[in-house]
PDB file of N, CA and C in Angstrom:
ATOM      1  N   MET A   1       8.559  14.129 -22.870  1.00  0.00           N
ATOM      2  CA  MET A   1       8.104  13.088 -21.965  1.00  0.00           C
ATOM      3  C   MET A   1       8.842  13.215 -20.631  1.00  0.00           C
ATOM      4  N   ALA A   2       8.169  12.916 -19.531  1.00  0.00           N
ATOM      5  CA  ALA A   2       8.754  13.068 -18.207  1.00  0.00           C
ATOM      6  C   ALA A   2       9.976  12.191 -18.025  1.00  0.00           C
ATOM      7  N   ALA A   3       9.956  10.984 -18.568  1.00  0.00           N
ATOM      8  CA  ALA A   3      11.091  10.075 -18.399  1.00  0.00           C
ATOM      9  C   ALA A   3      12.359  10.674 -18.985  1.00  0.00           C
ATOM     10  N   ASP A   4      12.250  11.366 -20.110  1.00  0.00           N
ATOM     11  CA  ASP A   4      13.407  12.010 -20.705  1.00  0.00           C
ATOM     12  C   ASP A   4      13.936  13.106 -19.804  1.00  0.00           C
ATOM     13  N   THR A   5      13.038  13.867 -19.207  1.00  0.00           N
ATOM     14  CA  THR A   5      13.423  14.949 -18.319  1.00  0.00           C
ATOM     15  C   THR A   5      14.117  14.408 -17.082  1.00  0.00           C
ATOM     16  N   LEU A   6      13.682  13.255 -16.609  1.00  0.00           N
ATOM     17  CA  LEU A   6      14.250  12.685 -15.399  1.00  0.00           C
ATOM     18  C   LEU A   6      15.703  12.284 -15.574  1.00  0.00           C
ATOM     19  N   GLN A   7      16.129  12.043 -16.791  1.00  0.00           N
ATOM     20  CA  GLN A   7      17.490  11.591 -17.038  1.00  0.00           C
ATOM     21  C   GLN A   7      18.502  12.731 -17.014  1.00  0.00           C
ATOM     22  N   SER A   8      18.036  13.947 -16.965  1.00  0.00           N
ATOM     23  CA  SER A   8      18.930  15.088 -17.029  1.00  0.00           C
ATOM     24  C   SER A   8      19.814  15.146 -15.788  1.00  0.00           C
ATOM     25  N   SER A   9      21.118  15.238 -16.022  1.00  0.00           N
ATOM     26  CA  SER A   9      22.047  15.351 -14.898  1.00  0.00           C
ATOM     27  C   SER A   9      22.039  16.760 -14.329  1.00  0.00           C
ATOM     28  N   GLN A  10      21.289  17.663 -14.945  1.00  0.00           N
ATOM     29  CA  GLN A  10      21.193  19.041 -14.484  1.00  0.00           C
ATOM     30  C   GLN A  10      20.256  19.177 -13.282  1.00  0.00           C
ATOM     31  N   LEU A  11      19.454  18.162 -13.029  1.00  0.00           N
ATOM     32  CA  LEU A  11      18.443  18.237 -11.975  1.00  0.00           C
ATOM     33  C   LEU A  11      18.965  17.698 -10.653  1.00  0.00           C
ATOM     34  N   THR A  12      18.503  18.320  -9.560  1.00  0.00           N
ATOM     35  CA  THR A  12      18.782  17.767  -8.245  1.00  0.00           C
ATOM     36  C   THR A  12      17.891  16.557  -8.026  1.00  0.00           C
ATOM     37  N   LEU A  13      18.185  15.783  -7.012  1.00  0.00           N
ATOM     38  CA  LEU A  13      17.358  14.633  -6.674  1.00  0.00           C
ATOM     39  C   LEU A  13      15.928  15.074  -6.377  1.00  0.00           C
ATOM     40  N   GLU A  14      15.787  16.163  -5.636  1.00  0.00           N
ATOM     41  CA  GLU A  14      14.462  16.662  -5.291  1.00  0.00           C
ATOM     42  C   GLU A  14      13.691  17.091  -6.537  1.00  0.00           C
ATOM     43  N   GLU A  15      14.372  17.748  -7.474  1.00  0.00           N
ATOM     44  CA  GLU A  15      13.721  18.180  -8.708  1.00  0.00           C
ATOM     45  C   GLU A  15      13.280  16.978  -9.538  1.00  0.00           C
ATOM     46  N   SER A  16      14.123  15.971  -9.613  1.00  0.00           N
ATOM     47  CA  SER A  16      13.762  14.759 -10.347  1.00  0.00           C
ATOM     48  C   SER A  16      12.550  14.084  -9.730  1.00  0.00           C
ATOM     49  N   LEU A  17      12.522  14.022  -8.410  1.00  0.00           N
ATOM     50  CA  LEU A  17      11.387  13.418  -7.717  1.00  0.00           C
ATOM     51  C   LEU A  17      10.126  14.246  -7.945  1.00  0.00           C
ATOM     52  N   GLU A  18      10.236  15.557  -7.883  1.00  0.00           N
ATOM     53  CA  GLU A  18       9.082  16.425  -8.124  1.00  0.00           C
ATOM     54  C   GLU A  18       8.505  16.196  -9.520  1.00  0.00           C
ATOM     55  N   ILE A  19       9.353  16.113 -10.520  1.00  0.00           N
ATOM     56  CA  ILE A  19       8.900  15.880 -11.897  1.00  0.00           C
ATOM     57  C   ILE A  19       8.201  14.531 -12.012  1.00  0.00           C
ATOM     58  N   ALA A  20       8.783  13.513 -11.391  1.00  0.00           N
ATOM     59  CA  ALA A  20       8.182  12.175 -11.440  1.00  0.00           C
ATOM     60  C   ALA A  20       6.810  12.171 -10.780  1.00  0.00           C
ATOM     61  N   LEU A  21       6.701  12.813  -9.639  1.00  0.00           N
ATOM     62  CA  LEU A  21       5.419  12.860  -8.935  1.00  0.00           C
ATOM     63  C   LEU A  21       4.372  13.601  -9.754  1.00  0.00           C
ATOM     64  N   ARG A  22       4.748  14.702 -10.359  1.00  0.00           N
ATOM     65  CA  ARG A  22       3.804  15.450 -11.199  1.00  0.00           C
ATOM     66  C   ARG A  22       3.376  14.618 -12.410  1.00  0.00           C
ATOM     67  N   ALA A  23       4.308  13.865 -12.963  1.00  0.00           N
ATOM     68  CA  ALA A  23       3.999  13.036 -14.129  1.00  0.00           C
ATOM     69  C   ALA A  23       2.959  11.970 -13.805  1.00  0.00           C
ATOM     70  N   LEU A  24       2.930  11.506 -12.562  1.00  0.00           N
ATOM     71  CA  LEU A  24       1.949  10.490 -12.180  1.00  0.00           C
ATOM     72  C   LEU A  24       0.542  11.065 -12.192  1.00  0.00           C
ATOM     73  N   GLY A  25       0.401  12.325 -11.851  1.00  0.00           N
ATOM     74  CA  GLY A  25      -0.837  13.046 -12.060  1.00  0.00           C
ATOM     75  C   GLY A  25      -1.966  12.899 -11.060  1.00  0.00           C
ATOM     76  N   SER A  26      -1.800  12.125 -10.006  1.00  0.00           N
ATOM     77  CA  SER A  26      -2.894  12.029  -9.031  1.00  0.00           C
ATOM     78  C   SER A  26      -2.865  13.253  -8.114  1.00  0.00           C
ATOM     79  N   ASP A  27      -3.981  13.509  -7.461  1.00  0.00           N
ATOM     80  CA  ASP A  27      -4.038  14.642  -6.540  1.00  0.00           C
ATOM     81  C   ASP A  27      -3.000  14.503  -5.428  1.00  0.00           C
ATOM     82  N   VAL A  28      -2.824  13.280  -4.937  1.00  0.00           N
ATOM     83  CA  VAL A  28      -1.871  13.042  -3.854  1.00  0.00           C
ATOM     84  C   VAL A  28      -0.445  13.301  -4.320  1.00  0.00           C
ATOM     85  N   THR A  29      -0.077  12.767  -5.483  1.00  0.00           N
ATOM     86  CA  THR A  29       1.300  12.951  -5.947  1.00  0.00           C
ATOM     87  C   THR A  29       1.568  14.399  -6.329  1.00  0.00           C
ATOM     88  N   LYS A  30       0.561  15.097  -6.853  1.00  0.00           N
ATOM     89  CA  LYS A  30       0.727  16.521  -7.153  1.00  0.00           C
ATOM     90  C   LYS A  30       0.921  17.322  -5.871  1.00  0.00           C
ATOM     91  N   ALA A  31       0.192  16.973  -4.814  1.00  0.00           N
ATOM     92  CA  ALA A  31       0.332  17.679  -3.539  1.00  0.00           C
ATOM     93  C   ALA A  31       1.727  17.472  -2.953  1.00  0.00           C
ATOM     94  N   VAL A  32       2.246  16.255  -3.054  1.00  0.00           N
ATOM     95  CA  VAL A  32       3.606  15.989  -2.569  1.00  0.00           C
ATOM     96  C   VAL A  32       4.612  16.776  -3.400  1.00  0.00           C
ATOM     97  N   ALA A  33       4.415  16.820  -4.710  1.00  0.00           N
ATOM     98  CA  ALA A  33       5.298  17.590  -5.586  1.00  0.00           C
ATOM     99  C   ALA A  33       5.249  19.072  -5.225  1.00  0.00           C
ATOM    100  N   ASP A  34       4.070  19.579  -4.916  1.00  0.00           N
ATOM    101  CA  ASP A  34       3.944  20.981  -4.494  1.00  0.00           C
ATOM    102  C   ASP A  34       4.744  21.243  -3.228  1.00  0.00           C
ATOM    103  N   ASN A  35       4.670  20.305  -2.281  1.00  0.00           N
ATOM    104  CA  ASN A  35       5.430  20.458  -1.031  1.00  0.00           C
ATOM    105  C   ASN A  35       6.931  20.447  -1.297  1.00  0.00           C
ATOM    106  N   LEU A  36       7.374  19.599  -2.210  1.00  0.00           N
ATOM    107  CA  LEU A  36       8.786  19.585  -2.586  1.00  0.00           C
ATOM    108  C   LEU A  36       9.197  20.933  -3.165  1.00  0.00           C
ATOM    109  N   ALA A  37       8.355  21.480  -4.007  1.00  0.00           N
ATOM    110  CA  ALA A  37       8.654  22.745  -4.670  1.00  0.00           C
ATOM    111  C   ALA A  37       8.681  23.923  -3.697  1.00  0.00           C
ATOM    112  N   LYS A  38       8.006  23.782  -2.566  1.00  0.00           N
ATOM    113  CA  LYS A  38       7.916  24.872  -1.600  1.00  0.00           C
ATOM    114  C   LYS A  38       9.140  25.023  -0.713  1.00  0.00           C
ATOM    115  N   GLY A  39      10.098  24.135  -0.844  1.00  0.00           N
ATOM    116  CA  GLY A  39      11.301  24.415  -0.101  1.00  0.00           C
ATOM    117  C   GLY A  39      11.884  23.324   0.755  1.00  0.00           C
ATOM    118  N   VAL A  40      11.658  22.089   0.466  1.00  0.00           N
ATOM    119  CA  VAL A  40      12.316  21.043   1.237  1.00  0.00           C
ATOM    120  C   VAL A  40      13.687  20.710   0.659  1.00  0.00           C
ATOM    121  N   VAL A  41      14.026  21.348  -0.455  1.00  0.00           N
ATOM    122  CA  VAL A  41      15.321  21.103  -1.091  1.00  0.00           C
ATOM    123  C   VAL A  41      16.435  21.411  -0.100  1.00  0.00           C
ATOM    124  N   GLY A  42      17.331  20.473   0.041  1.00  0.00           N
ATOM    125  CA  GLY A  42      18.472  20.660   0.922  1.00  0.00           C
ATOM    126  C   GLY A  42      18.276  20.182   2.346  1.00  0.00           C
ATOM    127  N   LEU A  43      17.066  19.787   2.708  1.00  0.00           N
ATOM    128  CA  LEU A  43      16.861  19.249   4.045  1.00  0.00           C
ATOM    129  C   LEU A  43      17.551  17.894   4.150  1.00  0.00           C
ATOM    130  N   PRO A  44      18.046  17.560   5.337  1.00  0.00           N
ATOM    131  CA  PRO A  44      18.761  16.287   5.476  1.00  0.00           C
ATOM    132  C   PRO A  44      17.872  15.052   5.350  1.00  0.00           C
ATOM    133  N   THR A  45      16.579  15.191   5.628  1.00  0.00           N
ATOM    134  CA  THR A  45      15.654  14.062   5.496  1.00  0.00           C
ATOM    135  C   THR A  45      14.374  14.543   4.833  1.00  0.00           C
ATOM    136  N   LEU A  46      13.644  13.593   4.296  1.00  0.00           N
ATOM    137  CA  LEU A  46      12.387  13.900   3.626  1.00  0.00           C
ATOM    138  C   LEU A  46      11.426  12.745   3.854  1.00  0.00           C
ATOM    139  N   ASN A  47      10.251  13.054   4.361  1.00  0.00           N
ATOM    140  CA  ASN A  47       9.211  12.046   4.540  1.00  0.00           C
ATOM    141  C   ASN A  47       8.137  12.283   3.498  1.00  0.00           C
ATOM    142  N   VAL A  48       7.901  11.271   2.665  1.00  0.00           N
ATOM    143  CA  VAL A  48       6.882  11.349   1.621  1.00  0.00           C
ATOM    144  C   VAL A  48       5.876  10.241   1.873  1.00  0.00           C
ATOM    145  N   HIS A  49       4.621  10.630   2.050  1.00  0.00           N
ATOM    146  CA  HIS A  49       3.576   9.655   2.319  1.00  0.00           C
ATOM    147  C   HIS A  49       2.669   9.550   1.099  1.00  0.00           C
ATOM    148  N   LEU A  50       2.698   8.393   0.470  1.00  0.00           N
ATOM    149  CA  LEU A  50       1.929   8.178  -0.756  1.00  0.00           C
ATOM    150  C   LEU A  50       0.930   7.035  -0.625  1.00  0.00           C
ATOM    151  N   ARG A  51       0.582   6.651   0.583  1.00  0.00           N
ATOM    152  CA  ARG A  51      -0.273   5.481   0.739  1.00  0.00           C
ATOM    153  C   ARG A  51      -1.668   5.678   0.166  1.00  0.00           C
ATOM    154  N   ASN A  52      -2.105   6.914  -0.001  1.00  0.00           N
ATOM    155  CA  ASN A  52      -3.432   7.161  -0.578  1.00  0.00           C
ATOM    156  C   ASN A  52      -3.360   7.552  -2.054  1.00  0.00           C
ATOM    157  N   ALA A  53      -2.225   7.316  -2.683  1.00  0.00           N
ATOM    158  CA  ALA A  53      -2.034   7.739  -4.070  1.00  0.00           C
ATOM    159  C   ALA A  53      -2.517   6.699  -5.083  1.00  0.00           C
ATOM    160  N   ASN A  54      -2.902   5.517  -4.627  1.00  0.00           N
ATOM    161  CA  ASN A  54      -3.354   4.459  -5.540  1.00  0.00           C
ATOM    162  C   ASN A  54      -2.348   4.225  -6.662  1.00  0.00           C
ATOM    163  N   MET A  55      -1.106   4.061  -6.298  1.00  0.00           N
ATOM    164  CA  MET A  55      -0.036   3.906  -7.275  1.00  0.00           C
ATOM    165  C   MET A  55       0.030   2.482  -7.815  1.00  0.00           C
ATOM    166  N   THR A  56       0.433   2.402  -9.070  1.00  0.00           N
ATOM    167  CA  THR A  56       0.665   1.110  -9.707  1.00  0.00           C
ATOM    168  C   THR A  56       2.157   0.773  -9.595  1.00  0.00           C
ATOM    169  N   ALA A  57       2.505  -0.422 -10.009  1.00  0.00           N
ATOM    170  CA  ALA A  57       3.921  -0.803 -10.042  1.00  0.00           C
ATOM    171  C   ALA A  57       4.693   0.112 -10.989  1.00  0.00           C
ATOM    172  N   ALA A  58       4.070   0.495 -12.090  1.00  0.00           N
ATOM    173  CA  ALA A  58       4.728   1.405 -13.046  1.00  0.00           C
ATOM    174  C   ALA A  58       4.965   2.775 -12.411  1.00  0.00           C
ATOM    175  N   ASP A  59       4.018   3.234 -11.581  1.00  0.00           N
ATOM    176  CA  ASP A  59       4.197   4.500 -10.873  1.00  0.00           C
ATOM    177  C   ASP A  59       5.381   4.419  -9.917  1.00  0.00           C
ATOM    178  N   ALA A  60       5.463   3.327  -9.190  1.00  0.00           N
ATOM    179  CA  ALA A  60       6.575   3.138  -8.257  1.00  0.00           C
ATOM    180  C   ALA A  60       7.900   3.109  -9.000  1.00  0.00           C
ATOM    181  N   LYS A  61       7.907   2.497 -10.168  1.00  0.00           N
ATOM    182  CA  LYS A  61       9.128   2.446 -10.976  1.00  0.00           C
ATOM    183  C   LYS A  61       9.520   3.839 -11.452  1.00  0.00           C
ATOM    184  N   THR A  62       8.556   4.656 -11.813  1.00  0.00           N
ATOM    185  CA  THR A  62       8.835   6.040 -12.227  1.00  0.00           C
ATOM    186  C   THR A  62       9.526   6.795 -11.101  1.00  0.00           C
ATOM    187  N   ILE A  63       9.018   6.638  -9.898  1.00  0.00           N
ATOM    188  CA  ILE A  63       9.635   7.307  -8.745  1.00  0.00           C
ATOM    189  C   ILE A  63      11.012   6.741  -8.470  1.00  0.00           C
ATOM    190  N   ALA A  64      11.146   5.436  -8.511  1.00  0.00           N
ATOM    191  CA  ALA A  64      12.468   4.816  -8.273  1.00  0.00           C
ATOM    192  C   ALA A  64      13.483   5.299  -9.295  1.00  0.00           C
ATOM    193  N   ASN A  65      13.081   5.380 -10.539  1.00  0.00           N
ATOM    194  CA  ASN A  65      14.000   5.864 -11.572  1.00  0.00           C
ATOM    195  C   ASN A  65      14.427   7.300 -11.316  1.00  0.00           C
ATOM    196  N   ALA A  66      13.514   8.105 -10.808  1.00  0.00           N
ATOM    197  CA  ALA A  66      13.839   9.498 -10.492  1.00  0.00           C
ATOM    198  C   ALA A  66      14.879   9.584  -9.377  1.00  0.00           C
ATOM    199  N   LEU A  67      14.828   8.620  -8.472  1.00  0.00           N
ATOM    200  CA  LEU A  67      15.741   8.651  -7.325  1.00  0.00           C
ATOM    201  C   LEU A  67      17.135   8.136  -7.654  1.00  0.00           C
ATOM    202  N   VAL A  68      17.297   7.456  -8.771  1.00  0.00           N
ATOM    203  CA  VAL A  68      18.612   6.959  -9.152  1.00  0.00           C
ATOM    204  C   VAL A  68      19.193   7.711 -10.345  1.00  0.00           C
ATOM    205  N   ALA A  69      18.416   8.665 -10.863  1.00  0.00           N
ATOM    206  CA  ALA A  69      18.883   9.427 -12.048  1.00  0.00           C
ATOM    207  C   ALA A  69      20.067  10.311 -11.707  1.00  0.00           C
TER     208      ALA A  69
END
Protein backbone atom coordinates (compact mmCIF):
# COMPACT_ATOMS: atom_id res chain seq x y z
CA MET A 1 0.00 0.00 0.00
CA ALA A 2 1.24 3.52 -0.80
CA ALA A 3 0.74 4.75 2.77
CA ASP A 4 3.18 2.12 4.03
CA THR A 5 5.74 3.17 1.45
CA LEU A 6 5.37 6.81 2.42
CA GLN A 7 6.49 6.07 5.97
CA SER A 8 9.91 4.87 4.87
CA SER A 9 12.70 7.04 6.22
CA GLN A 10 14.75 5.90 3.22
CA LEU A 11 12.84 8.22 0.89
CA THR A 12 13.55 11.86 0.15
CA LEU A 13 10.74 14.36 0.51
CA GLU A 14 10.44 14.54 -3.27
CA GLU A 15 10.25 10.75 -3.57
CA SER A 16 7.56 10.58 -0.90
CA LEU A 17 5.56 13.26 -2.68
CA GLU A 18 5.96 11.48 -6.03
CA ILE A 19 4.65 8.22 -4.55
CA ALA A 20 1.69 10.00 -2.96
CA LEU A 21 0.80 11.74 -6.21
CA ARG A 22 0.99 8.50 -8.17
CA ALA A 23 -1.18 6.77 -5.57
CA LEU A 24 -3.93 9.33 -6.15
CA GLY A 25 -4.06 8.16 -9.75
CA SER A 26 -5.53 11.11 -11.63
CA ASP A 27 -3.97 12.26 -14.89
CA VAL A 28 -3.01 15.57 -13.27
CA THR A 29 -1.34 14.02 -10.23
CA LYS A 30 0.48 11.47 -12.41
CA ALA A 31 1.78 14.28 -14.62
CA VAL A 32 3.08 16.17 -11.57
CA ALA A 33 4.70 12.96 -10.31
CA ASP A 34 6.35 12.50 -13.72
CA ASN A 35 7.76 16.03 -13.51
CA LEU A 36 9.14 15.29 -10.04
CA ALA A 37 10.78 12.15 -11.35
CA LYS A 38 12.41 14.05 -14.22
CA GLY A 39 14.74 15.96 -12.02
CA VAL A 40 13.40 18.60 -9.70
CA VAL A 41 15.01 16.75 -6.79
CA GLY A 42 17.31 19.10 -4.94
CA LEU A 43 15.89 22.33 -6.30
CA PRO A 44 15.46 24.99 -3.62
CA THR A 45 11.79 25.55 -4.50
CA LEU A 46 9.02 23.56 -6.11
CA ASN A 47 5.75 24.79 -7.57
CA VAL A 48 3.03 22.15 -7.82
CA HIS A 49 -0.27 23.10 -9.40
CA LEU A 50 -3.09 20.69 -8.64
CA ARG A 51 -6.15 22.87 -9.08
CA ASN A 52 -7.45 20.69 -11.92
CA ALA A 53 -6.84 17.41 -10.09
CA ASN A 54 -10.33 17.20 -8.54
CA MET A 55 -8.80 16.17 -5.23
CA THR A 56 -10.78 15.10 -2.20
CA ALA A 57 -9.93 15.88 1.41
CA ALA A 58 -8.49 12.35 1.67
CA ASP A 59 -6.25 13.09 -1.34
CA ALA A 60 -4.99 16.26 0.31
CA LYS A 61 -4.29 14.30 3.49
CA THR A 62 -2.28 11.73 1.51
CA ILE A 63 -0.10 14.51 0.13
CA ALA A 64 0.23 16.20 3.52
CA ASN A 65 1.30 12.93 5.10
CA ALA A 66 3.94 12.49 2.41
CA LEU A 67 5.34 15.92 3.21
CA VAL A 68 5.76 15.20 6.92
CA ALA A 69 7.03 11.62 6.59
